[in-house]
Amino acid sequence: MNIQSAINKEIFIPRDERMLVAVEVWRRKRKRMSFLLSGTKPHYATFICVSVTNTRPHQLLITKVKKFSGSPTFTRRTQWTVEQLKQVNGINPNKDSPEFDLVFDNAVDQWVAGSSAEKCIFVQILYNACQTHLEGKSGSIRKSGKLGKLGRQKRGAHSEVGDGSTDSSPASGSRTLLARRKSYVPPKQTEFINCQSKLTGDACTMNLVIYRCKAFLNHMKKMMIANQIQSPGRCQLGQRATGSTEGNVVHRMNVALGERGDRLTRAEDKTLYVMHKAQQFADTAHKLALKYK
């Protein structure tokens, strides 16, 4: 069981929530406390998780989870709703980087992920979850308005079929719905700034697959380095053979991933070229239609 599955099973499933993504982070600017020694390092791991409730109406939540050294369990520290998340700052819109900021109503957290791929996966899934949550809220408001209108029509039909007595309930229901619409405050949308367009654009499914492959490769490299450090007494010949084999596998996967990214880039360029030609053709057809009309 990997770390994300363990966090979901221990923290979110007992609370009737479903975790969407989790990323291990470190602070870029560590908070200093005068009563602590300056050379001490925190003996815990921090994870930022995005989850959604299973009960309706669904709520999108951002949770800070920690795991202290020597403890087999995870601890839920702080939790925010998506309405409290004001801004997500990707720091650098021109290239992949592991740094990002989360700006809440009452806090600003500056984080560094384990790799740029893990950060990109987190930002992309968070963006899609925010869009889905906002569309769901807007749809529920429109649905309640349609149901209220249908109910008023049915009540009006029943009053006409009856003995001719008038009822003021449709008018009062209309006034109640009008007051509810006036008092309705649209949900606040989280602002994503300095994020690459491929993380917040439409064609992001393939990018998510590529970033997952990169994160997997980074995880494999870390495991290889950790195994080499933990077992220095092995035979050097065996180490060279194993290292060369694993290195060749990683190299081939990197080459295949790079070729797939190049093909995706060429496909996007061709799509933009075709869209440009189609727009030119549409403009020309429109001008001819106006000329010979």
C-alpha atoms as a PDB file:
ATOM      1  CA  MET A   1       0.000   0.000   0.000  1.00  0.00           C
ATOM      2  CA  ASN A   2       1.465   3.379  -1.024  1.00  0.00           C
ATOM      3  CA  ILE A   3       1.356   6.543   1.070  1.00  0.00           C
ATOM      4  CA  GLN A   4      -1.682   8.059  -0.658  1.00  0.00           C
ATOM      5  CA  SER A   5      -3.749   4.899  -0.156  1.00  0.00           C
ATOM      6  CA  ALA A   6      -2.697   4.759   3.510  1.00  0.00           C
ATOM      7  CA  ILE A   7      -3.691   8.412   4.085  1.00  0.00           C
ATOM      8  CA  ASN A   8      -7.043   7.889   2.360  1.00  0.00           C
ATOM      9  CA  LYS A   9      -7.781   4.740   4.385  1.00  0.00           C
ATOM     10  CA  GLU A  10      -6.737   6.206   7.740  1.00  0.00           C
ATOM     11  CA  ILE A  11      -7.837   9.859   7.514  1.00  0.00           C
ATOM     12  CA  PHE A  12     -10.592  10.331   4.930  1.00  0.00           C
ATOM     13  CA  ILE A  13     -12.592   7.092   4.631  1.00  0.00           C
ATOM     14  CA  PRO A  14     -13.623   7.106   8.342  1.00  0.00           C
ATOM     15  CA  ARG A  15     -14.958  10.676   7.826  1.00  0.00           C
ATOM     16  CA  ASP A  16     -16.968   9.649   4.740  1.00  0.00           C
ATOM     17  CA  GLU A  17     -14.632  11.541   2.405  1.00  0.00           C
ATOM     18  CA  ARG A  18     -12.757  10.549  -0.741  1.00  0.00           C
ATOM     19  CA  MET A  19      -9.202  11.754  -1.311  1.00  0.00           C
ATOM     20  CA  LEU A  20      -8.420  13.025  -4.817  1.00  0.00           C
ATOM     21  CA  VAL A  21      -4.686  13.760  -4.528  1.00  0.00           C
ATOM     22  CA  ALA A  22      -1.943  14.169  -1.938  1.00  0.00           C
ATOM     23  CA  VAL A  23       1.537  15.687  -2.249  1.00  0.00           C
ATOM     24  CA  GLU A  24       4.414  15.647   0.230  1.00  0.00           C
ATOM     25  CA  VAL A  25       5.717  19.164   0.824  1.00  0.00           C
ATOM     26  CA  TRP A  26       8.281  21.168   2.756  1.00  0.00           C
ATOM     27  CA  ARG A  27       8.184  24.829   3.691  1.00  0.00           C
ATOM     28  CA  ARG A  28      10.250  27.212   1.576  1.00  0.00           C
ATOM     29  CA  LYS A  29      10.571  29.644   4.444  1.00  0.00           C
ATOM     30  CA  ARG A  30      10.588  27.766   7.713  1.00  0.00           C
ATOM     31  CA  LYS A  31       8.941  29.418  10.699  1.00  0.00           C
ATOM     32  CA  ARG A  32      11.504  30.230  13.368  1.00  0.00           C
ATOM     33  CA  MET A  33      10.711  29.912  17.040  1.00  0.00           C
ATOM     34  CA  SER A  34      12.929  31.444  19.696  1.00  0.00           C
ATOM     35  CA  PHE A  35      12.522  28.624  22.179  1.00  0.00           C
ATOM     36  CA  LEU A  36      13.780  26.012  19.703  1.00  0.00           C
ATOM     37  CA  LEU A  37      17.381  25.361  18.794  1.00  0.00           C
ATOM     38  CA  SER A  38      18.373  26.851  15.456  1.00  0.00           C
ATOM     39  CA  GLY A  39      19.991  23.639  14.207  1.00  0.00           C
ATOM     40  CA  THR A  40      17.086  21.263  14.893  1.00  0.00           C
ATOM     41  CA  LYS A  41      15.102  19.828  11.997  1.00  0.00           C
ATOM     42  CA  PRO A  42      11.437  18.792  12.144  1.00  0.00           C
ATOM     43  CA  HIS A  43      11.034  15.035  12.506  1.00  0.00           C
ATOM     44  CA  TYR A  44       7.797  14.718  10.549  1.00  0.00           C
ATOM     45  CA  ALA A  45       6.488  14.578   6.995  1.00  0.00           C
ATOM     46  CA  THR A  46       3.811  17.000   5.764  1.00  0.00           C
ATOM     47  CA  PHE A  47       1.200  16.196   3.122  1.00  0.00           C
ATOM     48  CA  ILE A  48      -1.317  18.531   1.473  1.00  0.00           C
ATOM     49  CA  CYS A  49      -4.425  16.577   0.477  1.00  0.00           C
ATOM     50  CA  VAL A  50      -7.523  17.404  -1.587  1.00  0.00           C
ATOM     51  CA  SER A  51     -10.693  15.498  -0.737  1.00  0.00           C
ATOM     52  CA  VAL A  52     -14.429  15.621  -1.404  1.00  0.00           C
ATOM     53  CA  THR A  53     -17.287  14.537   0.845  1.00  0.00           C
ATOM     54  CA  ASN A  54     -19.495  11.652  -0.215  1.00  0.00           C
ATOM     55  CA  THR A  55     -22.665  13.196   1.222  1.00  0.00           C
ATOM     56  CA  ARG A  56     -24.674  15.842  -0.631  1.00  0.00           C
ATOM     57  CA  PRO A  57     -24.165  18.699  -0.996  1.00  0.00           C
ATOM     58  CA  HIS A  58     -20.575  17.789  -1.800  1.00  0.00           C
ATOM     59  CA  GLN A  59     -17.819  19.834  -0.168  1.00  0.00           C
ATOM     60  CA  LEU A  60     -14.291  20.217  -1.523  1.00  0.00           C
ATOM     61  CA  LEU A  61     -11.687  20.261   1.249  1.00  0.00           C
ATOM     62  CA  ILE A  62      -7.945  20.927   1.527  1.00  0.00           C
ATOM     63  CA  THR A  63      -6.313  19.147   4.472  1.00  0.00           C
ATOM     64  CA  LYS A  64      -2.845  19.295   5.998  1.00  0.00           C
ATOM     65  CA  VAL A  65      -1.749  15.859   7.226  1.00  0.00           C
ATOM     66  CA  LYS A  66       1.426  15.060   9.159  1.00  0.00           C
ATOM     67  CA  LYS A  67       3.248  11.871  10.048  1.00  0.00           C
ATOM     68  CA  PHE A  68       5.746  12.084  12.896  1.00  0.00           C
ATOM     69  CA  SER A  69       8.868   9.947  12.956  1.00  0.00           C
ATOM     70  CA  GLY A  70       8.444   6.779  14.972  1.00  0.00           C
ATOM     71  CA  SER A  71       4.654   6.876  14.639  1.00  0.00           C
ATOM     72  CA  PRO A  72       2.884   4.510  12.224  1.00  0.00           C
ATOM     73  CA  THR A  73      -0.245   6.683  12.023  1.00  0.00           C
ATOM     74  CA  PHE A  74      -1.094   9.920  10.227  1.00  0.00           C
ATOM     75  CA  THR A  75      -2.443  13.010  11.994  1.00  0.00           C
ATOM     76  CA  ARG A  76      -4.924  15.486  10.542  1.00  0.00           C
ATOM     77  CA  ARG A  77      -3.749  19.001  11.466  1.00  0.00           C
ATOM     78  CA  THR A  78      -5.648  21.713   9.580  1.00  0.00           C
ATOM     79  CA  GLN A  79      -8.546  21.641   7.141  1.00  0.00           C
ATOM     80  CA  TRP A  80      -9.998  24.338   4.872  1.00  0.00           C
ATOM     81  CA  THR A  81     -12.950  24.437   2.507  1.00  0.00           C
ATOM     82  CA  VAL A  82     -12.385  25.435  -1.102  1.00  0.00           C
ATOM     83  CA  GLU A  83     -14.298  28.667  -0.415  1.00  0.00           C
ATOM     84  CA  GLN A  84     -11.489  29.640   1.992  1.00  0.00           C
ATOM     85  CA  LEU A  85      -8.845  29.021  -0.689  1.00  0.00           C
ATOM     86  CA  LYS A  86      -8.391  32.414  -2.334  1.00  0.00           C
ATOM     87  CA  GLN A  87      -5.405  31.791  -4.594  1.00  0.00           C
ATOM     88  CA  VAL A  88      -3.046  29.122  -5.922  1.00  0.00           C
ATOM     89  CA  ASN A  89       0.290  30.536  -7.077  1.00  0.00           C
ATOM     90  CA  GLY A  90       2.356  28.324  -9.389  1.00  0.00           C
ATOM     91  CA  ILE A  91       5.394  30.674  -9.022  1.00  0.00           C
ATOM     92  CA  ASN A  92       6.749  30.097 -12.550  1.00  0.00           C
ATOM     93  CA  PRO A  93       4.405  29.986 -15.590  1.00  0.00           C
ATOM     94  CA  ASN A  94       7.224  29.273 -18.063  1.00  0.00           C
ATOM     95  CA  LYS A  95       8.668  25.979 -16.800  1.00  0.00           C
ATOM     96  CA  ASP A  96       8.000  23.133 -14.385  1.00  0.00           C
ATOM     97  CA  SER A  97       9.046  23.931 -10.826  1.00  0.00           C
ATOM     98  CA  PRO A  98       8.312  22.274  -7.458  1.00  0.00           C
ATOM     99  CA  GLU A  99       7.399  25.549  -5.682  1.00  0.00           C
ATOM    100  CA  PHE A 100       3.820  26.724  -5.146  1.00  0.00           C
ATOM    101  CA  ASP A 101       1.836  28.898  -2.703  1.00  0.00           C
ATOM    102  CA  LEU A 102      -1.606  28.389  -1.194  1.00  0.00           C
ATOM    103  CA  VAL A 103      -3.334  31.594  -0.038  1.00  0.00           C
ATOM    104  CA  PHE A 104      -6.262  31.117   2.360  1.00  0.00           C
ATOM    105  CA  ASP A 105      -8.450  33.654   4.154  1.00  0.00           C
ATOM    106  CA  ASN A 106      -6.363  33.432   7.303  1.00  0.00           C
ATOM    107  CA  ALA A 107      -3.031  31.910   6.192  1.00  0.00           C
ATOM    108  CA  VAL A 108      -0.414  31.899   3.437  1.00  0.00           C
ATOM    109  CA  ASP A 109       1.602  28.702   2.990  1.00  0.00           C
ATOM    110  CA  GLN A 110       4.717  28.578   0.799  1.00  0.00           C
ATOM    111  CA  TRP A 111       5.552  24.997  -0.156  1.00  0.00           C
ATOM    112  CA  VAL A 112       8.091  22.962  -2.104  1.00  0.00           C
ATOM    113  CA  ALA A 113       6.980  19.577  -3.450  1.00  0.00           C
ATOM    114  CA  GLY A 114       9.214  16.555  -3.810  1.00  0.00           C
ATOM    115  CA  SER A 115       9.456  17.160  -7.566  1.00  0.00           C
ATOM    116  CA  SER A 116       7.984  19.421 -10.212  1.00  0.00           C
ATOM    117  CA  ALA A 117       5.904  16.510 -11.565  1.00  0.00           C
ATOM    118  CA  GLU A 118       4.231  15.932  -8.172  1.00  0.00           C
ATOM    119  CA  LYS A 119       3.433  19.651  -7.895  1.00  0.00           C
ATOM    120  CA  CYS A 120       1.971  19.716 -11.421  1.00  0.00           C
ATOM    121  CA  ILE A 121      -0.235  16.694 -10.668  1.00  0.00           C
ATOM    122  CA  PHE A 122      -1.500  18.375  -7.491  1.00  0.00           C
ATOM    123  CA  VAL A 123      -2.245  21.725  -9.184  1.00  0.00           C
ATOM    124  CA  GLN A 124      -3.948  20.098 -12.171  1.00  0.00           C
ATOM    125  CA  ILE A 125      -6.247  17.890 -10.076  1.00  0.00           C
ATOM    126  CA  LEU A 126      -7.021  20.780  -7.704  1.00  0.00           C
ATOM    127  CA  TYR A 127      -7.942  23.029 -10.644  1.00  0.00           C
ATOM    128  CA  ASN A 128     -10.268  20.419 -12.165  1.00  0.00           C
ATOM    129  CA  ALA A 129     -11.855  19.746  -8.766  1.00  0.00           C
ATOM    130  CA  CYS A 130     -12.475  23.482  -8.224  1.00  0.00           C
ATOM    131  CA  GLN A 131     -14.114  23.810 -11.643  1.00  0.00           C
ATOM    132  CA  THR A 132     -16.323  20.761 -11.043  1.00  0.00           C
ATOM    133  CA  HIS A 133     -17.294  22.010  -7.583  1.00  0.00           C
ATOM    134  CA  LEU A 134     -18.207  25.459  -8.929  1.00  0.00           C
ATOM    135  CA  GLU A 135     -20.282  23.999 -11.775  1.00  0.00           C
ATOM    136  CA  GLY A 136     -22.070  21.695  -9.333  1.00  0.00           C
ATOM    137  CA  LYS A 137     -23.028  24.608  -7.067  1.00  0.00           C
ATOM    138  CA  SER A 138     -24.284  26.713  -9.969  1.00  0.00           C
ATOM    139  CA  GLY A 139     -26.275  23.761 -11.312  1.00  0.00           C
ATOM    140  CA  SER A 140     -27.951  23.136  -7.947  1.00  0.00           C
ATOM    141  CA  ILE A 141     -29.089  26.777  -7.768  1.00  0.00           C
ATOM    142  CA  ARG A 142     -30.557  26.628 -11.291  1.00  0.00           C
ATOM    143  CA  LYS A 143     -32.247  23.309 -10.503  1.00  0.00           C
ATOM    144  CA  SER A 144     -33.884  24.688  -7.337  1.00  0.00           C
ATOM    145  CA  GLY A 145     -35.180  27.673  -9.335  1.00  0.00           C
ATOM    146  CA  LYS A 146     -36.748  25.407 -11.974  1.00  0.00           C
ATOM    147  CA  LEU A 147     -38.356  23.203  -9.318  1.00  0.00           C
ATOM    148  CA  GLY A 148     -39.828  26.262  -7.605  1.00  0.00           C
ATOM    149  CA  LYS A 149     -41.284  27.531 -10.883  1.00  0.00           C
ATOM    150  CA  LEU A 150     -42.783  24.110 -11.684  1.00  0.00           C
ATOM    151  CA  GLY A 151     -44.348  23.940  -8.227  1.00  0.00           C
ATOM    152  CA  ARG A 152     -45.962  27.358  -8.643  1.00  0.00           C
ATOM    153  CA  GLN A 153     -47.419  26.305 -12.004  1.00  0.00           C
ATOM    154  CA  LYS A 154     -48.931  23.164 -10.487  1.00  0.00           C
ATOM    155  CA  ARG A 155     -50.444  25.118  -7.586  1.00  0.00           C
ATOM    156  CA  GLY A 156     -51.916  27.626 -10.031  1.00  0.00           C
ATOM    157  CA  ALA A 157     -53.501  24.847 -12.101  1.00  0.00           C
ATOM    158  CA  HIS A 158     -55.068  23.257  -9.011  1.00  0.00           C
ATOM    159  CA  SER A 159     -56.521  26.579  -7.894  1.00  0.00           C
ATOM    160  CA  GLU A 160     -58.114  27.118 -11.333  1.00  0.00           C
ATOM    161  CA  VAL A 161     -59.703  23.648 -11.341  1.00  0.00           C
ATOM    162  CA  GLY A 162     -61.076  24.138  -7.822  1.00  0.00           C
ATOM    163  CA  ASP A 163     -64.167  25.970  -6.647  1.00  0.00           C
ATOM    164  CA  GLY A 164     -62.927  29.357  -7.776  1.00  0.00           C
ATOM    165  CA  SER A 165     -61.405  30.416  -4.459  1.00  0.00           C
ATOM    166  CA  THR A 166     -58.196  32.400  -4.756  1.00  0.00           C
ATOM    167  CA  ASP A 167     -55.010  31.494  -2.959  1.00  0.00           C
ATOM    168  CA  SER A 168     -52.127  33.859  -2.303  1.00  0.00           C
ATOM    169  CA  SER A 169     -49.536  31.080  -1.907  1.00  0.00           C
ATOM    170  CA  PRO A 170     -48.203  31.317  -5.529  1.00  0.00           C
ATOM    171  CA  ALA A 171     -47.573  35.035  -5.127  1.00  0.00           C
ATOM    172  CA  SER A 172     -45.903  34.536  -1.758  1.00  0.00           C
ATOM    173  CA  GLY A 173     -43.794  31.712  -3.219  1.00  0.00           C
ATOM    174  CA  SER A 174     -42.747  33.968  -6.074  1.00  0.00           C
ATOM    175  CA  ARG A 175     -41.751  36.709  -3.660  1.00  0.00           C
ATOM    176  CA  THR A 176     -39.797  34.198  -1.559  1.00  0.00           C
ATOM    177  CA  LEU A 177     -37.927  32.900  -4.609  1.00  0.00           C
ATOM    178  CA  LEU A 178     -37.202  36.460  -5.779  1.00  0.00           C
ATOM    179  CA  ALA A 179     -35.830  37.383  -2.363  1.00  0.00           C
ATOM    180  CA  ARG A 180     -33.735  34.230  -2.331  1.00  0.00           C
ATOM    181  CA  ARG A 181     -32.267  35.084  -5.738  1.00  0.00           C
ATOM    182  CA  LYS A 182     -31.449  38.612  -4.618  1.00  0.00           C
ATOM    183  CA  SER A 183     -29.750  37.376  -1.462  1.00  0.00           C
ATOM    184  CA  TYR A 184     -27.853  34.661  -3.342  1.00  0.00           C
ATOM    185  CA  VAL A 185     -24.116  35.225  -3.363  1.00  0.00           C
ATOM    186  CA  PRO A 186     -22.317  33.336  -6.164  1.00  0.00           C
ATOM    187  CA  PRO A 187     -19.600  30.963  -4.936  1.00  0.00           C
ATOM    188  CA  LYS A 188     -16.142  32.507  -4.829  1.00  0.00           C
ATOM    189  CA  GLN A 189     -13.845  31.069  -7.449  1.00  0.00           C
ATOM    190  CA  THR A 190     -10.273  30.203  -6.531  1.00  0.00           C
ATOM    191  CA  GLU A 191      -7.719  32.185  -8.533  1.00  0.00           C
ATOM    192  CA  PHE A 192      -4.901  30.250 -10.210  1.00  0.00           C
ATOM    193  CA  ILE A 193      -1.975  32.519 -11.116  1.00  0.00           C
ATOM    194  CA  ASN A 194       1.491  31.851 -12.546  1.00  0.00           C
ATOM    195  CA  CYS A 195       0.383  28.349 -13.554  1.00  0.00           C
ATOM    196  CA  GLN A 196       1.261  26.816 -16.888  1.00  0.00           C
ATOM    197  CA  SER A 197      -1.576  26.745 -19.402  1.00  0.00           C
ATOM    198  CA  LYS A 198      -1.222  22.970 -19.813  1.00  0.00           C
ATOM    199  CA  LEU A 199      -2.267  22.576 -16.160  1.00  0.00           C
ATOM    200  CA  THR A 200      -5.421  24.684 -16.444  1.00  0.00           C
ATOM    201  CA  GLY A 201      -6.299  24.151 -20.134  1.00  0.00           C
ATOM    202  CA  ASP A 202      -8.691  21.764 -21.814  1.00  0.00           C
ATOM    203  CA  ALA A 203      -6.196  19.209 -23.161  1.00  0.00           C
ATOM    204  CA  CYS A 204      -4.715  18.170 -19.828  1.00  0.00           C
ATOM    205  CA  THR A 205      -5.467  14.422 -19.598  1.00  0.00           C
ATOM    206  CA  MET A 206      -2.334  13.438 -21.513  1.00  0.00           C
ATOM    207  CA  ASN A 207      -0.294  15.900 -19.450  1.00  0.00           C
ATOM    208  CA  LEU A 208      -1.548  14.241 -16.265  1.00  0.00           C
ATOM    209  CA  VAL A 209      -0.399  10.839 -17.564  1.00  0.00           C
ATOM    210  CA  ILE A 210       3.033  12.259 -18.445  1.00  0.00           C
ATOM    211  CA  TYR A 211       3.429  13.867 -15.018  1.00  0.00           C
ATOM    212  CA  ARG A 212       2.452  10.616 -13.303  1.00  0.00           C
ATOM    213  CA  CYS A 213       5.144   8.801 -15.292  1.00  0.00           C
ATOM    214  CA  LYS A 214       7.703  11.439 -14.307  1.00  0.00           C
ATOM    215  CA  ALA A 215       6.702  11.179 -10.644  1.00  0.00           C
ATOM    216  CA  PHE A 216       7.046   7.394 -10.839  1.00  0.00           C
ATOM    217  CA  LEU A 217      10.535   7.723 -12.350  1.00  0.00           C
ATOM    218  CA  ASN A 218      11.579  10.156  -9.621  1.00  0.00           C
ATOM    219  CA  HIS A 219      10.287   7.741  -6.999  1.00  0.00           C
ATOM    220  CA  MET A 220      12.272   4.896  -8.582  1.00  0.00           C
ATOM    221  CA  LYS A 221      15.452   6.991  -8.615  1.00  0.00           C
ATOM    222  CA  LYS A 222      15.013   7.856  -4.933  1.00  0.00           C
ATOM    223  CA  MET A 223      14.519   4.183  -4.075  1.00  0.00           C
ATOM    224  CA  MET A 224      17.638   3.215  -6.032  1.00  0.00           C
ATOM    225  CA  ILE A 225      19.733   5.854  -4.251  1.00  0.00           C
ATOM    226  CA  ALA A 226      18.351   4.808  -0.856  1.00  0.00           C
ATOM    227  CA  ASN A 227      19.127   1.140  -1.528  1.00  0.00           C
ATOM    228  CA  GLN A 228      22.683   1.972  -2.578  1.00  0.00           C
ATOM    229  CA  ILE A 229      23.231   4.011   0.591  1.00  0.00           C
ATOM    230  CA  GLN A 230      21.741   1.365   2.900  1.00  0.00           C
ATOM    231  CA  SER A 231      23.754  -1.546   1.454  1.00  0.00           C
ATOM    232  CA  PRO A 232      27.381  -0.420   1.001  1.00  0.00           C
ATOM    233  CA  GLY A 233      28.811  -3.920   1.701  1.00  0.00           C
ATOM    234  CA  ARG A 234      27.522  -5.604  -1.434  1.00  0.00           C
ATOM    235  CA  CYS A 235      29.761  -6.891  -4.116  1.00  0.00           C
ATOM    236  CA  GLN A 236      30.877  -4.142  -6.447  1.00  0.00           C
ATOM    237  CA  LEU A 237      30.342  -6.326  -9.507  1.00  0.00           C
ATOM    238  CA  GLY A 238      26.753  -7.031  -8.537  1.00  0.00           C
ATOM    239  CA  GLN A 239      26.178  -3.355  -7.839  1.00  0.00           C
ATOM    240  CA  ARG A 240      27.517  -2.398 -11.247  1.00  0.00           C
ATOM    241  CA  ALA A 241      25.372  -4.982 -13.025  1.00  0.00           C
ATOM    242  CA  THR A 242      22.216  -4.015 -11.108  1.00  0.00           C
ATOM    243  CA  GLY A 243      22.910  -0.302 -11.449  1.00  0.00           C
ATOM    244  CA  SER A 244      23.548  -0.586 -15.182  1.00  0.00           C
ATOM    245  CA  THR A 245      20.360  -2.613 -15.718  1.00  0.00           C
ATOM    246  CA  GLU A 246      18.186  -0.219 -13.711  1.00  0.00           C
ATOM    247  CA  GLY A 247      19.914   2.746 -15.328  1.00  0.00           C
ATOM    248  CA  ASN A 248      19.146   1.378 -18.786  1.00  0.00           C
ATOM    249  CA  VAL A 249      15.484   0.876 -17.860  1.00  0.00           C
ATOM    250  CA  VAL A 250      15.217   4.423 -16.511  1.00  0.00           C
ATOM    251  CA  HIS A 251      17.024   5.803 -19.573  1.00  0.00           C
ATOM    252  CA  ARG A 252      14.685   3.987 -21.962  1.00  0.00           C
ATOM    253  CA  MET A 253      11.631   5.223 -20.064  1.00  0.00           C
ATOM    254  CA  ASN A 254      12.973   8.788 -20.122  1.00  0.00           C
ATOM    255  CA  VAL A 255      13.572   8.573 -23.880  1.00  0.00           C
ATOM    256  CA  ALA A 256      10.091   7.135 -24.503  1.00  0.00           C
ATOM    257  CA  LEU A 257       8.529   9.820 -22.309  1.00  0.00           C
ATOM    258  CA  GLY A 258      10.424  12.553 -24.153  1.00  0.00           C
ATOM    259  CA  GLU A 259       9.342  11.183 -27.547  1.00  0.00           C
ATOM    260  CA  ARG A 260       5.720  11.048 -26.391  1.00  0.00           C
ATOM    261  CA  GLY A 261       5.936  14.649 -25.188  1.00  0.00           C
ATOM    262  CA  ASP A 262       7.396  15.710 -28.561  1.00  0.00           C
ATOM    263  CA  ARG A 263       4.579  13.978 -30.425  1.00  0.00           C
ATOM    264  CA  LEU A 264       2.026  15.672 -28.177  1.00  0.00           C
ATOM    265  CA  THR A 265       3.635  19.059 -28.845  1.00  0.00           C
ATOM    266  CA  ARG A 266       3.585  18.472 -32.611  1.00  0.00           C
ATOM    267  CA  ALA A 267      -0.066  17.428 -32.440  1.00  0.00           C
ATOM    268  CA  GLU A 268      -0.948  20.608 -30.545  1.00  0.00           C
ATOM    269  CA  ASP A 269       0.923  22.722 -33.142  1.00  0.00           C
ATOM    270  CA  LYS A 270      -0.929  21.008 -36.000  1.00  0.00           C
ATOM    271  CA  THR A 271      -4.251  21.556 -34.215  1.00  0.00           C
ATOM    272  CA  LEU A 272      -3.555  25.271 -33.828  1.00  0.00           C
ATOM    273  CA  TYR A 273      -2.548  25.478 -37.523  1.00  0.00           C
ATOM    274  CA  VAL A 274      -5.769  23.767 -38.656  1.00  0.00           C
ATOM    275  CA  MET A 275      -7.842  26.053 -36.388  1.00  0.00           C
ATOM    276  CA  HIS A 276      -6.121  29.100 -37.897  1.00  0.00           C
ATOM    277  CA  LYS A 277      -6.787  27.918 -41.469  1.00  0.00           C
ATOM    278  CA  ALA A 278     -10.416  27.152 -40.613  1.00  0.00           C
ATOM    279  CA  GLN A 279     -10.857  30.645 -39.181  1.00  0.00           C
ATOM    280  CA  GLN A 280      -9.369  32.162 -42.341  1.00  0.00           C
ATOM    281  CA  PHE A 281     -11.707  30.069 -44.507  1.00  0.00           C
ATOM    282  CA  ALA A 282     -14.721  31.135 -42.426  1.00  0.00           C
ATOM    283  CA  ASP A 283     -13.759  34.813 -42.717  1.00  0.00           C
ATOM    284  CA  THR A 284     -13.348  34.507 -46.501  1.00  0.00           C
ATOM    285  CA  ALA A 285     -16.702  32.752 -46.881  1.00  0.00           C
ATOM    286  CA  HIS A 286     -18.376  35.443 -44.790  1.00  0.00           C
ATOM    287  CA  LYS A 287     -16.900  38.216 -46.938  1.00  0.00           C
ATOM    288  CA  LEU A 288     -18.048  36.473 -50.160  1.00  0.00           C
ATOM    289  CA  ALA A 289     -21.533  36.017 -48.760  1.00  0.00           C
ATOM    290  CA  LEU A 290     -21.741  39.720 -47.909  1.00  0.00           C
ATOM    291  CA  LYS A 291     -20.388  40.673 -51.334  1.00  0.00           C
ATOM    292  CA  TYR A 292     -22.857  38.631 -53.403  1.00  0.00           C
ATOM    293  CA  LYS A 293     -25.843  39.017 -51.104  1.00  0.00           C
END
